Amino acid sequence: MEWWIICAIATVFTLGAAGYFARAVERMRLDMTRQQREALHLKAVSTDTRDKHALKARMVKEKGATIKRLSYEIRQMEDRIKKPPKDPLA
């Protein structure tokens, strides 16, 4: 008679453990799916930020080149202004 009780307790324990682990696996799967969505979102944000940074870096580089070119042109104009004009009649 004792083995029936032991068998019934083992069956209840087994069914309880199976239910618990099934729910635990389902929670883990849902959590991992959520984390994967968050990671993909963060990856998209990172890519957008990287693209914006590259665009701004390119703009800064172009502005630097423009400033350098304008500085050179200003120096040339100043040199032309400082030089006295040659007198073709002299």
N, C-alpha and C. Protein backbone atom coordinates (compact mmCIF):
# COMPACT_ATOMS: atom_id res chain seq x y z
N MET A 1 0.82 -1.19 0.00
CA MET A 1 0.00 0.00 0.00
C MET A 1 0.87 1.26 0.00
N GLU A 2 2.01 1.20 0.62
CA GLU A 2 2.88 2.36 0.68
C GLU A 2 3.42 2.74 -0.69
N TRP A 3 3.62 1.77 -1.54
CA TRP A 3 4.17 2.10 -2.86
C TRP A 3 3.17 2.87 -3.69
N TRP A 4 1.86 2.70 -3.48
CA TRP A 4 0.83 3.49 -4.20
C TRP A 4 0.92 4.95 -3.78
N ILE A 5 1.12 5.16 -2.52
CA ILE A 5 1.24 6.53 -2.02
C ILE A 5 2.50 7.19 -2.59
N ILE A 6 3.59 6.45 -2.56
CA ILE A 6 4.85 6.97 -3.11
C ILE A 6 4.70 7.24 -4.60
N CYS A 7 4.04 6.35 -5.32
CA CYS A 7 3.83 6.52 -6.76
C CYS A 7 2.94 7.73 -7.03
N ALA A 8 1.88 7.91 -6.25
CA ALA A 8 0.98 9.05 -6.42
C ALA A 8 1.72 10.36 -6.13
N ILE A 9 2.51 10.39 -5.08
CA ILE A 9 3.28 11.60 -4.75
C ILE A 9 4.29 11.90 -5.86
N ALA A 10 4.96 10.88 -6.36
CA ALA A 10 5.94 11.06 -7.44
C ALA A 10 5.25 11.58 -8.69
N THR A 11 4.04 11.05 -8.99
CA THR A 11 3.29 11.50 -10.17
C THR A 11 2.89 12.97 -10.02
N VAL A 12 2.38 13.35 -8.87
CA VAL A 12 2.00 14.74 -8.63
C VAL A 12 3.23 15.64 -8.71
N PHE A 13 4.32 15.21 -8.12
CA PHE A 13 5.57 15.98 -8.17
C PHE A 13 6.06 16.13 -9.60
N THR A 14 6.01 15.06 -10.37
CA THR A 14 6.46 15.10 -11.77
C THR A 14 5.60 16.04 -12.60
N LEU A 15 4.27 15.95 -12.43
CA LEU A 15 3.37 16.83 -13.18
C LEU A 15 3.59 18.29 -12.77
N GLY A 16 3.77 18.53 -11.49
CA GLY A 16 4.04 19.89 -11.01
C GLY A 16 5.34 20.44 -11.57
N ALA A 17 6.39 19.61 -11.57
CA ALA A 17 7.68 20.04 -12.10
C ALA A 17 7.59 20.31 -13.60
N ALA A 18 6.86 19.46 -14.31
CA ALA A 18 6.71 19.65 -15.76
C ALA A 18 5.99 20.97 -16.05
N GLY A 19 4.93 21.26 -15.29
CA GLY A 19 4.21 22.53 -15.47
C GLY A 19 5.08 23.72 -15.13
N TYR A 20 5.82 23.61 -14.03
CA TYR A 20 6.69 24.71 -13.62
C TYR A 20 7.74 25.00 -14.69
N PHE A 21 8.41 23.95 -15.16
CA PHE A 21 9.48 24.15 -16.13
C PHE A 21 8.92 24.59 -17.49
N ALA A 22 7.73 24.15 -17.84
CA ALA A 22 7.11 24.62 -19.09
C ALA A 22 6.86 26.12 -19.01
N ARG A 23 6.32 26.59 -17.88
CA ARG A 23 6.09 28.03 -17.70
C ARG A 23 7.42 28.79 -17.66
N ALA A 24 8.42 28.22 -17.01
CA ALA A 24 9.72 28.88 -16.93
C ALA A 24 10.35 29.02 -18.32
N VAL A 25 10.24 27.97 -19.11
CA VAL A 25 10.79 28.02 -20.48
C VAL A 25 10.03 29.04 -21.31
N GLU A 26 8.72 29.11 -21.16
CA GLU A 26 7.91 30.09 -21.91
C GLU A 26 8.28 31.51 -21.50
N ARG A 27 8.45 31.76 -20.19
CA ARG A 27 8.87 33.09 -19.73
C ARG A 27 10.25 33.44 -20.28
N MET A 28 11.15 32.47 -20.27
CA MET A 28 12.49 32.71 -20.78
C MET A 28 12.45 33.02 -22.28
N ARG A 29 11.62 32.30 -23.03
CA ARG A 29 11.50 32.53 -24.47
C ARG A 29 10.96 33.93 -24.75
N LEU A 30 9.93 34.33 -23.99
CA LEU A 30 9.37 35.67 -24.16
C LEU A 30 10.38 36.75 -23.80
N ASP A 31 11.13 36.52 -22.75
CA ASP A 31 12.14 37.48 -22.33
C ASP A 31 13.24 37.60 -23.39
N MET A 32 13.65 36.49 -23.93
CA MET A 32 14.69 36.52 -24.97
C MET A 32 14.17 37.19 -26.24
N THR A 33 12.90 36.98 -26.58
CA THR A 33 12.32 37.65 -27.74
C THR A 33 12.30 39.16 -27.52
N ARG A 34 11.92 39.59 -26.33
CA ARG A 34 11.91 41.01 -26.00
C ARG A 34 13.31 41.60 -26.07
N GLN A 35 14.28 40.90 -25.52
CA GLN A 35 15.66 41.37 -25.56
C GLN A 35 16.17 41.45 -27.00
N GLN A 36 15.77 40.49 -27.84
CA GLN A 36 16.19 40.52 -29.24
C GLN A 36 15.60 41.74 -29.94
N ARG A 37 14.31 42.05 -29.69
CA ARG A 37 13.69 43.25 -30.27
C ARG A 37 14.41 44.50 -29.82
N GLU A 38 14.73 44.58 -28.53
CA GLU A 38 15.45 45.74 -28.01
C GLU A 38 16.82 45.86 -28.64
N ALA A 39 17.52 44.74 -28.81
CA ALA A 39 18.85 44.76 -29.42
C ALA A 39 18.77 45.23 -30.88
N LEU A 40 17.76 44.76 -31.61
CA LEU A 40 17.60 45.21 -32.99
C LEU A 40 17.29 46.71 -33.05
N HIS A 41 16.47 47.18 -32.12
CA HIS A 41 16.16 48.61 -32.07
C HIS A 41 17.42 49.41 -31.78
N LEU A 42 18.21 48.97 -30.80
CA LEU A 42 19.44 49.68 -30.46
C LEU A 42 20.44 49.63 -31.60
N LYS A 43 20.45 48.53 -32.35
CA LYS A 43 21.34 48.43 -33.50
C LYS A 43 20.93 49.45 -34.56
N ALA A 44 19.63 49.60 -34.78
CA ALA A 44 19.15 50.60 -35.75
C ALA A 44 19.51 52.00 -35.29
N VAL A 45 19.34 52.28 -34.00
CA VAL A 45 19.70 53.59 -33.46
C VAL A 45 21.19 53.83 -33.63
N SER A 46 21.98 52.82 -33.36
CA SER A 46 23.43 52.94 -33.50
C SER A 46 23.82 53.21 -34.95
N THR A 47 23.18 52.52 -35.88
CA THR A 47 23.47 52.73 -37.30
C THR A 47 23.09 54.15 -37.72
N ASP A 48 21.92 54.61 -37.27
CA ASP A 48 21.50 55.98 -37.59
C ASP A 48 22.49 56.99 -37.03
N THR A 49 22.91 56.78 -35.79
CA THR A 49 23.86 57.70 -35.17
C THR A 49 25.19 57.68 -35.91
N ARG A 50 25.64 56.51 -36.31
CA ARG A 50 26.89 56.40 -37.05
C ARG A 50 26.80 57.15 -38.38
N ASP A 51 25.66 56.99 -39.08
CA ASP A 51 25.46 57.69 -40.35
C ASP A 51 25.43 59.21 -40.14
N LYS A 52 24.73 59.67 -39.10
CA LYS A 52 24.67 61.10 -38.82
C LYS A 52 26.06 61.64 -38.50
N HIS A 53 26.83 60.87 -37.73
CA HIS A 53 28.18 61.30 -37.38
C HIS A 53 29.05 61.39 -38.63
N ALA A 54 28.95 60.42 -39.51
CA ALA A 54 29.74 60.44 -40.75
C ALA A 54 29.37 61.66 -41.60
N LEU A 55 28.08 61.97 -41.68
CA LEU A 55 27.62 63.12 -42.45
C LEU A 55 28.17 64.41 -41.84
N LYS A 56 28.08 64.54 -40.52
CA LYS A 56 28.59 65.75 -39.87
C LYS A 56 30.10 65.86 -40.02
N ALA A 57 30.81 64.74 -39.93
CA ALA A 57 32.26 64.77 -40.11
C ALA A 57 32.61 65.21 -41.53
N ARG A 58 31.86 64.73 -42.51
CA ARG A 58 32.08 65.13 -43.89
C ARG A 58 31.82 66.63 -44.07
N MET A 59 30.74 67.13 -43.44
CA MET A 59 30.42 68.56 -43.53
C MET A 59 31.52 69.41 -42.89
N VAL A 60 32.04 68.96 -41.74
CA VAL A 60 33.11 69.69 -41.07
C VAL A 60 34.35 69.72 -41.95
N LYS A 61 34.65 68.59 -42.58
CA LYS A 61 35.81 68.52 -43.46
C LYS A 61 35.65 69.46 -44.65
N GLU A 62 34.44 69.50 -45.23
CA GLU A 62 34.18 70.40 -46.36
C GLU A 62 34.28 71.85 -45.92
N LYS A 63 33.76 72.18 -44.74
CA LYS A 63 33.86 73.55 -44.24
C LYS A 63 35.32 73.93 -44.01
N GLY A 64 36.10 73.01 -43.49
CA GLY A 64 37.53 73.27 -43.29
C GLY A 64 38.22 73.56 -44.61
N ALA A 65 37.89 72.77 -45.64
CA ALA A 65 38.49 72.99 -46.95
C ALA A 65 38.05 74.34 -47.51
N THR A 66 36.79 74.70 -47.31
CA THR A 66 36.29 76.00 -47.79
C THR A 66 37.00 77.14 -47.08
N ILE A 67 37.17 77.02 -45.78
CA ILE A 67 37.86 78.05 -45.00
C ILE A 67 39.30 78.18 -45.48
N LYS A 68 39.96 77.08 -45.72
CA LYS A 68 41.34 77.10 -46.19
C LYS A 68 41.43 77.77 -47.55
N ARG A 69 40.49 77.44 -48.44
CA ARG A 69 40.49 78.04 -49.78
C ARG A 69 40.22 79.53 -49.70
N LEU A 70 39.25 79.93 -48.88
CA LEU A 70 38.94 81.36 -48.75
C LEU A 70 40.11 82.12 -48.12
N SER A 71 40.77 81.53 -47.15
CA SER A 71 41.94 82.17 -46.53
C SER A 71 43.02 82.40 -47.57
N TYR A 72 43.24 81.42 -48.41
CA TYR A 72 44.24 81.55 -49.47
C TYR A 72 43.86 82.67 -50.44
N GLU A 73 42.58 82.71 -50.82
CA GLU A 73 42.13 83.76 -51.73
C GLU A 73 42.25 85.14 -51.09
N ILE A 74 41.94 85.25 -49.81
CA ILE A 74 42.08 86.53 -49.11
C ILE A 74 43.53 86.97 -49.08
N ARG A 75 44.45 86.04 -48.79
CA ARG A 75 45.88 86.39 -48.80
C ARG A 75 46.32 86.87 -50.17
N GLN A 76 45.84 86.21 -51.22
CA GLN A 76 46.20 86.64 -52.58
C GLN A 76 45.68 88.05 -52.86
N MET A 77 44.45 88.31 -52.45
CA MET A 77 43.88 89.65 -52.66
C MET A 77 44.65 90.70 -51.87
N GLU A 78 45.03 90.38 -50.64
CA GLU A 78 45.81 91.32 -49.84
C GLU A 78 47.15 91.60 -50.49
N ASP A 79 47.78 90.56 -51.02
CA ASP A 79 49.07 90.76 -51.71
C ASP A 79 48.89 91.66 -52.93
N ARG A 80 47.82 91.47 -53.70
CA ARG A 80 47.56 92.30 -54.87
C ARG A 80 47.31 93.75 -54.47
N ILE A 81 46.60 93.92 -53.34
CA ILE A 81 46.31 95.27 -52.87
C ILE A 81 47.59 95.96 -52.39
N LYS A 82 48.45 95.25 -51.69
CA LYS A 82 49.68 95.83 -51.14
C LYS A 82 50.69 96.17 -52.21
N LYS A 83 50.74 95.43 -53.29
CA LYS A 83 51.69 95.71 -54.36
C LYS A 83 51.25 96.96 -55.12
N PRO A 84 52.16 97.88 -55.35
CA PRO A 84 51.77 99.03 -56.15
C PRO A 84 51.61 98.62 -57.60
N PRO A 85 50.66 99.22 -58.30
CA PRO A 85 50.48 98.85 -59.69
C PRO A 85 51.66 99.29 -60.53
N LYS A 86 52.03 98.49 -61.49
CA LYS A 86 53.13 98.85 -62.38
C LYS A 86 52.65 99.93 -63.34
N ASP A 87 53.45 100.92 -63.51
CA ASP A 87 53.09 102.02 -64.40
C ASP A 87 53.56 101.67 -65.81
N PRO A 88 52.65 101.46 -66.74
CA PRO A 88 53.08 101.05 -68.08
C PRO A 88 53.77 102.22 -68.84
N LEU A 89 53.57 103.46 -68.42
CA LEU A 89 54.16 104.59 -69.10
C LEU A 89 55.58 104.86 -68.63
N ALA A 90 55.94 104.32 -67.46
CA ALA A 90 57.26 104.63 -66.92
C ALA A 90 58.36 103.82 -67.51
